[in-house]
Amino acid sequence: MPLPLTIAPKTNHKSLLFSELALDLDHLDADFAVLGMPYGAAYSPADYNNDQTNAPTAIRQASDRVIRSPERYDFDIEGPLLQGRSDIRFVDCGDVPADLNDPRGHYARAEVATRKILKAGAIPIVLGGDHGITNPILRAYDDQGPITIVHVDAHLDWRDEVNGVKDGLSSPIRRASELPYVKNIIQIGMRASGSARQQDADDARNWGAQIITAYELHKIGMEAVLERIPAGGRYYLTIDADGMDPTCMPAVAGPAPGGVDFIQMRELIHGLVKKGRVVGMDIVEIQPEKDIHQISCMTAGRLILNLIGTAIRAGYFDGKRK
């Protein structure tokens, strides 16, 4: 019997931010849909089971630290989570399962699940997993273009392959650049060193990617960065947790001082929502065993909350009956 597209989350909080659990993606009624994608594409046998696979569950478990109750006023979004809109459907579609007998089957299931979420008219909010999970998610957007990728990360992610694997955590932005409907790439927060070689950096710039280091960001501010992002676009926001400063996102494999802070991330999300339409978001690379008092998972939840509340306030769903 084939695996289902998604399965229910594991323990305690069964959904993110008290959303409704919705596993029937063929009859999905949603405006925002959470999708857990715990598994990427392993570079070695040891990578098949790593702590990042626990992140979707850990982020959900931080729900009551992110927001005590959805109807309460929140200063980040100038109102409650769903802005008092009883017609807005916020659901959690559970996690994409893996199958050791089919090592890439979860990528195919993730793409199909994302297509069903998009077909329902919902905005996917994807919880990784390592950064390889962005590849199958973006492939589901082939009828949603043109897409502008806004990428927050300490690292470039333009490797062509690692150990023969082309869709792993070091390659998502190179793979995105190959999609014909991806028209712009803006990369924010680059600093220190990762897996990129000089050729990868050259290839990124030659493609036309805008690379904004963390140091430039701190010098010019997020408002100036937002001005460089084409207005009126359809934006997919992919956030590697190590793109943020370890003071607010400590639970990462490669912490590097000087990253994007929470205030800047909030400004980026609010700015993108106002400039055009955010059509999807993922947050990846959180390692819960390295977290401190759930602060990384709580920060991830706050970013998601800011997207939801701001999108509703911006009128994304004003065509619906209130």
Protein backbone atom coordinates (compact mmCIF):
# COMPACT_ATOMS: atom_id res chain seq x y z
CA MET A 1 0.00 0.00 0.00
CA PRO A 2 1.49 3.40 -0.96
CA LEU A 3 2.22 5.93 1.76
CA PRO A 4 -0.27 8.80 2.16
CA LEU A 5 0.81 12.27 1.09
CA THR A 6 0.84 13.45 4.70
CA ILE A 7 0.45 12.02 8.19
CA ALA A 8 -0.69 13.59 11.44
CA PRO A 9 1.99 15.37 13.50
CA LYS A 10 3.45 13.37 16.36
CA THR A 11 2.72 14.57 19.90
CA ASN A 12 1.08 17.17 22.13
CA HIS A 13 0.21 20.10 19.82
CA LYS A 14 -1.16 18.34 16.74
CA SER A 15 -1.02 21.52 14.67
CA LEU A 16 0.86 24.80 14.45
CA LEU A 17 -0.54 27.80 16.34
CA PHE A 18 -3.77 25.98 17.19
CA SER A 19 -4.74 25.63 13.52
CA GLU A 20 -7.17 22.98 12.32
CA LEU A 21 -5.68 19.62 11.32
CA ALA A 22 -6.56 18.89 7.67
CA LEU A 23 -5.12 15.72 6.14
CA ASP A 24 -7.57 15.37 3.24
CA LEU A 25 -5.74 17.44 0.67
CA ASP A 26 -8.16 16.48 -2.11
CA HIS A 27 -10.94 18.41 -0.37
CA LEU A 28 -8.87 21.15 1.22
CA ASP A 29 -10.56 24.38 2.28
CA ALA A 30 -7.80 26.72 3.41
CA ASP A 31 -6.18 30.13 3.07
CA PHE A 32 -2.96 29.21 4.90
CA ALA A 33 -1.76 25.60 5.01
CA VAL A 34 1.15 24.35 7.11
CA LEU A 35 3.09 21.42 5.67
CA GLY A 36 5.77 19.60 7.62
CA MET A 37 8.65 18.34 5.45
CA PRO A 38 11.05 16.67 7.89
CA TYR A 39 13.30 14.84 5.40
CA GLY A 40 15.66 16.22 2.79
CA ALA A 41 18.08 14.43 0.44
CA ALA A 42 20.86 12.73 2.37
CA TYR A 43 24.50 13.22 1.39
CA SER A 44 25.61 10.22 3.49
CA PRO A 45 23.98 7.34 5.39
CA ALA A 46 24.33 9.30 8.64
CA ASP A 47 22.22 12.11 7.16
CA TYR A 48 19.11 9.97 6.78
CA ASN A 49 18.31 10.58 10.44
CA ASN A 50 19.41 13.96 11.74
CA ASP A 51 17.96 16.33 14.30
CA GLN A 52 16.49 18.65 11.68
CA THR A 53 13.90 15.95 10.98
CA ASN A 54 12.50 16.73 14.44
CA ALA A 55 12.03 20.44 13.72
CA PRO A 56 8.43 20.41 12.40
CA THR A 57 7.28 18.72 15.60
CA ALA A 58 9.41 21.00 17.78
CA ILE A 59 8.09 24.17 16.11
CA ARG A 60 4.52 22.99 16.65
CA GLN A 61 5.29 22.25 20.31
CA ALA A 62 6.32 25.89 20.79
CA SER A 63 2.86 27.09 19.70
CA ASP A 64 1.73 28.19 23.14
CA ARG A 65 4.96 30.14 23.59
CA VAL A 66 4.38 31.92 20.28
CA ILE A 67 0.79 32.88 21.02
CA ARG A 68 -1.21 32.04 24.12
CA SER A 69 -4.52 31.98 22.31
CA PRO A 70 -5.37 32.93 18.72
CA GLU A 71 -8.08 35.44 19.65
CA ARG A 72 -5.75 37.62 21.75
CA TYR A 73 -4.43 40.95 20.49
CA ASP A 74 -0.90 40.77 19.11
CA PHE A 75 1.21 43.92 18.75
CA ASP A 76 3.29 42.45 15.89
CA ILE A 77 0.24 42.33 13.62
CA GLU A 78 -2.01 44.93 15.27
CA GLY A 79 -4.73 42.45 16.12
CA PRO A 80 -5.39 38.75 16.73
CA LEU A 81 -3.79 36.08 14.55
CA LEU A 82 -6.64 35.92 12.01
CA GLN A 83 -7.58 39.59 12.48
CA GLY A 84 -11.05 38.70 13.71
CA ARG A 85 -11.94 37.07 10.39
CA SER A 86 -14.11 34.00 10.95
CA ASP A 87 -13.94 33.21 7.24
CA ILE A 88 -10.14 32.73 7.16
CA ARG A 89 -9.13 29.06 7.21
CA PHE A 90 -5.74 28.30 8.77
CA VAL A 91 -4.94 24.59 8.69
CA ASP A 92 -2.09 22.18 9.34
CA CYS A 93 -1.76 19.42 6.74
CA GLY A 94 0.64 17.33 8.83
CA ASP A 95 3.99 15.90 7.74
CA VAL A 96 5.19 14.34 4.50
CA PRO A 97 6.30 10.80 5.43
CA ALA A 98 9.48 9.13 4.23
CA ASP A 99 9.98 5.55 3.03
CA LEU A 100 13.41 3.92 3.33
CA ASN A 101 12.53 1.67 0.41
CA ASP A 102 11.96 4.74 -1.77
CA PRO A 103 14.61 7.30 -0.77
CA ARG A 104 13.22 10.11 -2.97
CA GLY A 105 9.55 9.27 -2.67
CA HIS A 106 8.97 11.94 -0.04
CA TYR A 107 10.14 14.60 -2.53
CA ALA A 108 7.47 13.46 -4.98
CA ARG A 109 4.84 13.41 -2.22
CA ALA A 110 5.86 16.91 -1.08
CA GLU A 111 5.48 18.27 -4.60
CA VAL A 112 2.04 16.68 -5.00
CA ALA A 113 0.94 17.90 -1.57
CA THR A 114 2.07 21.44 -2.37
CA ARG A 115 0.22 21.35 -5.69
CA LYS A 116 -2.97 20.40 -3.88
CA ILE A 117 -2.48 23.21 -1.35
CA LEU A 118 -1.95 25.71 -4.17
CA LYS A 119 -4.94 24.36 -6.09
CA ALA A 120 -7.06 25.03 -3.01
CA GLY A 121 -5.94 28.67 -3.16
CA ALA A 122 -3.95 28.46 0.07
CA ILE A 123 -0.53 29.86 0.91
CA PRO A 124 1.85 27.01 1.84
CA ILE A 125 3.89 27.46 5.02
CA VAL A 126 6.48 24.68 5.04
CA LEU A 127 8.40 23.49 8.09
CA GLY A 128 11.72 21.76 7.33
CA GLY A 129 13.81 19.69 7.57
CA ASP A 130 17.05 20.72 5.89
CA HIS A 131 17.20 23.18 3.03
CA GLY A 132 16.90 20.46 0.41
CA ILE A 133 13.15 20.48 1.08
CA THR A 134 12.78 23.74 -0.84
CA ASN A 135 13.48 21.94 -4.13
CA PRO A 136 10.29 19.82 -4.36
CA ILE A 137 8.15 22.61 -2.94
CA LEU A 138 9.25 25.07 -5.63
CA ARG A 139 8.66 22.53 -8.39
CA ALA A 140 4.96 22.67 -7.54
CA TYR A 141 4.87 26.37 -8.55
CA ASP A 142 5.27 25.76 -12.28
CA ASP A 143 1.88 27.34 -13.00
CA GLN A 144 2.29 30.11 -10.41
CA GLY A 145 5.01 32.22 -12.02
CA PRO A 146 6.76 34.46 -12.43
CA ILE A 147 8.26 33.89 -8.98
CA THR A 148 10.78 35.98 -7.07
CA ILE A 149 12.82 33.96 -4.57
CA VAL A 150 13.73 35.84 -1.40
CA HIS A 151 16.33 33.76 0.40
CA VAL A 152 17.58 34.46 3.95
CA ASP A 153 20.65 32.43 4.82
CA ALA A 154 24.23 32.63 6.00
CA HIS A 155 25.19 30.47 3.02
CA LEU A 156 24.85 30.76 -0.75
CA ASP A 157 23.35 27.30 -1.54
CA TRP A 158 24.54 27.25 -5.16
CA ARG A 159 26.44 23.93 -5.17
CA ASP A 160 25.59 21.85 -8.22
CA GLU A 161 26.00 18.57 -6.34
CA VAL A 162 27.48 17.00 -3.23
CA ASN A 163 28.39 13.30 -3.36
CA GLY A 164 26.35 13.07 -6.54
CA VAL A 165 23.20 14.47 -4.87
CA LYS A 166 21.87 17.49 -6.78
CA ASP A 167 18.80 18.32 -4.69
CA GLY A 168 20.33 18.44 -1.20
CA LEU A 169 20.72 21.21 1.34
CA SER A 170 23.64 22.94 -0.44
CA SER A 171 21.84 23.26 -3.79
CA PRO A 172 18.32 24.71 -3.42
CA ILE A 173 19.03 28.13 -4.90
CA ARG A 174 20.97 26.77 -7.88
CA ARG A 175 18.05 24.40 -8.53
CA ALA A 176 15.63 27.32 -8.17
CA SER A 177 17.64 29.31 -10.72
CA GLU A 178 17.03 26.53 -13.27
CA LEU A 179 13.25 26.81 -13.03
CA PRO A 180 11.94 28.85 -15.98
CA TYR A 181 9.31 30.60 -13.86
CA VAL A 182 11.84 31.89 -11.30
CA LYS A 183 12.68 35.37 -12.56
CA ASN A 184 14.46 37.03 -9.63
CA ILE A 185 16.57 35.82 -6.72
CA ILE A 186 17.48 38.01 -3.76
CA GLN A 187 19.79 36.47 -1.15
CA ILE A 188 20.05 38.19 2.23
CA GLY A 189 22.29 37.60 5.23
CA MET A 190 25.31 35.96 3.59
CA ARG A 191 28.34 35.81 5.87
CA ALA A 192 31.24 33.63 6.98
CA SER A 193 31.83 30.46 4.91
CA GLY A 194 29.76 27.47 3.95
CA SER A 195 30.03 24.86 1.23
CA ALA A 196 30.23 27.36 -1.66
CA ARG A 197 33.31 27.53 -3.87
CA GLN A 198 34.39 30.57 -5.87
CA GLN A 199 32.70 29.16 -8.99
CA ASP A 200 29.38 28.94 -7.13
CA ALA A 201 29.57 32.61 -6.13
CA ASP A 202 30.51 33.55 -9.70
CA ASP A 203 27.63 31.50 -11.10
CA ALA A 204 25.15 33.14 -8.74
CA ARG A 205 26.22 36.64 -9.72
CA ASN A 206 26.36 35.77 -13.42
CA TRP A 207 22.79 34.44 -13.23
CA GLY A 208 21.73 37.79 -11.78
CA ALA A 209 21.15 36.92 -8.14
CA GLN A 210 21.30 39.90 -5.83
CA ILE A 211 23.59 38.93 -2.95
CA ILE A 212 23.23 41.15 0.10
CA THR A 213 25.63 40.24 2.86
CA ALA A 214 24.64 40.56 6.49
CA TYR A 215 27.18 43.35 6.80
CA GLU A 216 25.64 45.35 3.98
CA LEU A 217 22.20 44.75 5.47
CA HIS A 218 23.27 46.14 8.83
CA LYS A 219 24.85 49.13 7.10
CA ILE A 220 21.94 50.12 4.84
CA GLY A 221 18.94 48.65 6.70
CA MET A 222 16.12 46.36 5.61
CA GLU A 223 14.08 49.20 4.12
CA ALA A 224 16.85 49.80 1.58
CA VAL A 225 17.04 46.07 0.86
CA LEU A 226 13.29 45.97 0.23
CA GLU A 227 13.67 48.77 -2.30
CA ARG A 228 15.91 46.48 -4.37
CA ILE A 229 13.24 43.79 -4.58
CA PRO A 230 11.00 44.23 -7.64
CA ALA A 231 7.58 45.58 -6.67
CA GLY A 232 4.36 43.82 -7.55
CA GLY A 233 6.00 40.41 -7.52
CA ARG A 234 4.95 36.97 -6.40
CA TYR A 235 7.41 36.17 -3.63
CA TYR A 236 8.49 32.84 -2.23
CA LEU A 237 10.34 33.38 1.05
CA THR A 238 12.81 30.68 2.09
CA ILE A 239 14.45 31.12 5.49
CA ASP A 240 17.42 29.08 6.60
CA ALA A 241 17.54 29.45 10.39
CA ASP A 242 21.28 30.12 10.30
CA GLY A 243 20.58 33.23 8.24
CA MET A 244 19.33 34.78 11.45
CA ASP A 245 21.63 35.83 14.25
CA PRO A 246 22.27 33.07 16.81
CA THR A 247 21.07 35.36 19.59
CA CYS A 248 17.52 34.74 18.33
CA MET A 249 18.09 31.50 16.44
CA PRO A 250 20.72 29.43 18.28
CA ALA A 251 19.54 25.96 17.24
CA VAL A 252 21.54 25.60 14.03
CA ALA A 253 24.46 23.49 12.83
CA GLY A 254 26.57 26.47 11.73
CA PRO A 255 25.91 29.52 13.90
CA ALA A 256 27.64 32.68 12.65
CA PRO A 257 27.61 36.03 14.47
CA GLY A 258 26.14 39.05 12.75
CA GLY A 259 23.05 37.56 11.17
CA VAL A 260 19.62 38.99 10.40
CA ASP A 261 17.84 39.88 13.63
CA PHE A 262 14.17 39.38 14.44
CA ILE A 263 13.24 43.05 13.91
CA GLN A 264 14.78 42.96 10.43
CA MET A 265 13.02 39.69 9.58
CA ARG A 266 9.70 41.12 10.69
CA GLU A 267 10.33 44.19 8.52
CA LEU A 268 11.18 41.96 5.56
CA ILE A 269 7.99 39.92 5.90
CA HIS A 270 5.76 42.97 6.33
CA GLY A 271 7.52 44.71 3.45
CA LEU A 272 7.14 41.79 1.05
CA VAL A 273 3.45 41.43 1.89
CA LYS A 274 2.91 45.10 1.05
CA LYS A 275 5.05 45.11 -2.13
CA GLY A 276 3.23 42.28 -3.87
CA ARG A 277 1.99 38.85 -2.86
CA VAL A 278 3.84 36.29 -0.78
CA VAL A 279 2.85 32.96 -2.34
CA GLY A 280 4.74 30.65 0.00
CA MET A 281 7.24 30.43 2.82
CA ASP A 282 9.50 27.82 4.32
CA ILE A 283 11.74 27.79 7.36
CA VAL A 284 14.47 25.17 7.54
CA GLU A 285 17.61 23.91 9.29
CA ILE A 286 16.47 24.19 12.94
CA GLN A 287 18.09 21.55 15.17
CA PRO A 288 15.87 21.30 18.28
CA GLU A 289 18.49 19.55 20.43
CA LYS A 290 20.60 22.73 20.21
CA ASP A 291 17.73 25.04 21.15
CA ILE A 292 17.68 27.15 24.31
CA HIS A 293 14.28 27.43 26.05
CA GLN A 294 12.59 26.83 22.65
CA ILE A 295 13.70 30.28 21.48
CA SER A 296 14.53 29.16 17.92
CA CYS A 297 11.21 27.37 17.48
CA MET A 298 9.39 30.28 19.08
CA THR A 299 11.13 32.71 16.70
CA ALA A 300 10.10 30.55 13.73
CA GLY A 301 6.51 30.62 14.95
CA ARG A 302 6.58 34.39 15.38
CA LEU A 303 7.76 34.83 11.80
CA ILE A 304 4.90 32.66 10.55
CA LEU A 305 2.43 34.57 12.71
CA ASN A 306 3.68 37.84 11.20
CA LEU A 307 3.13 36.54 7.68
CA ILE A 308 -0.40 35.35 8.41
CA GLY A 309 -1.58 38.44 10.25
CA THR A 310 0.03 40.90 7.85
CA ALA A 311 -1.29 39.14 4.73
CA ILE A 312 -4.83 39.28 6.09
CA ARG A 313 -4.45 42.97 7.01
CA ALA A 314 -3.04 43.69 3.54
CA GLY A 315 -6.27 42.49 1.94
CA TYR A 316 -5.08 39.20 0.45
CA PHE A 317 -8.46 37.65 1.23
CA ASP A 318 -10.80 40.62 0.95
CA GLY A 319 -12.60 38.95 -1.94
CA LYS A 320 -13.97 36.38 0.48
CA ARG A 321 -17.26 36.80 2.28
CA LYS A 322 -16.57 38.06 5.81
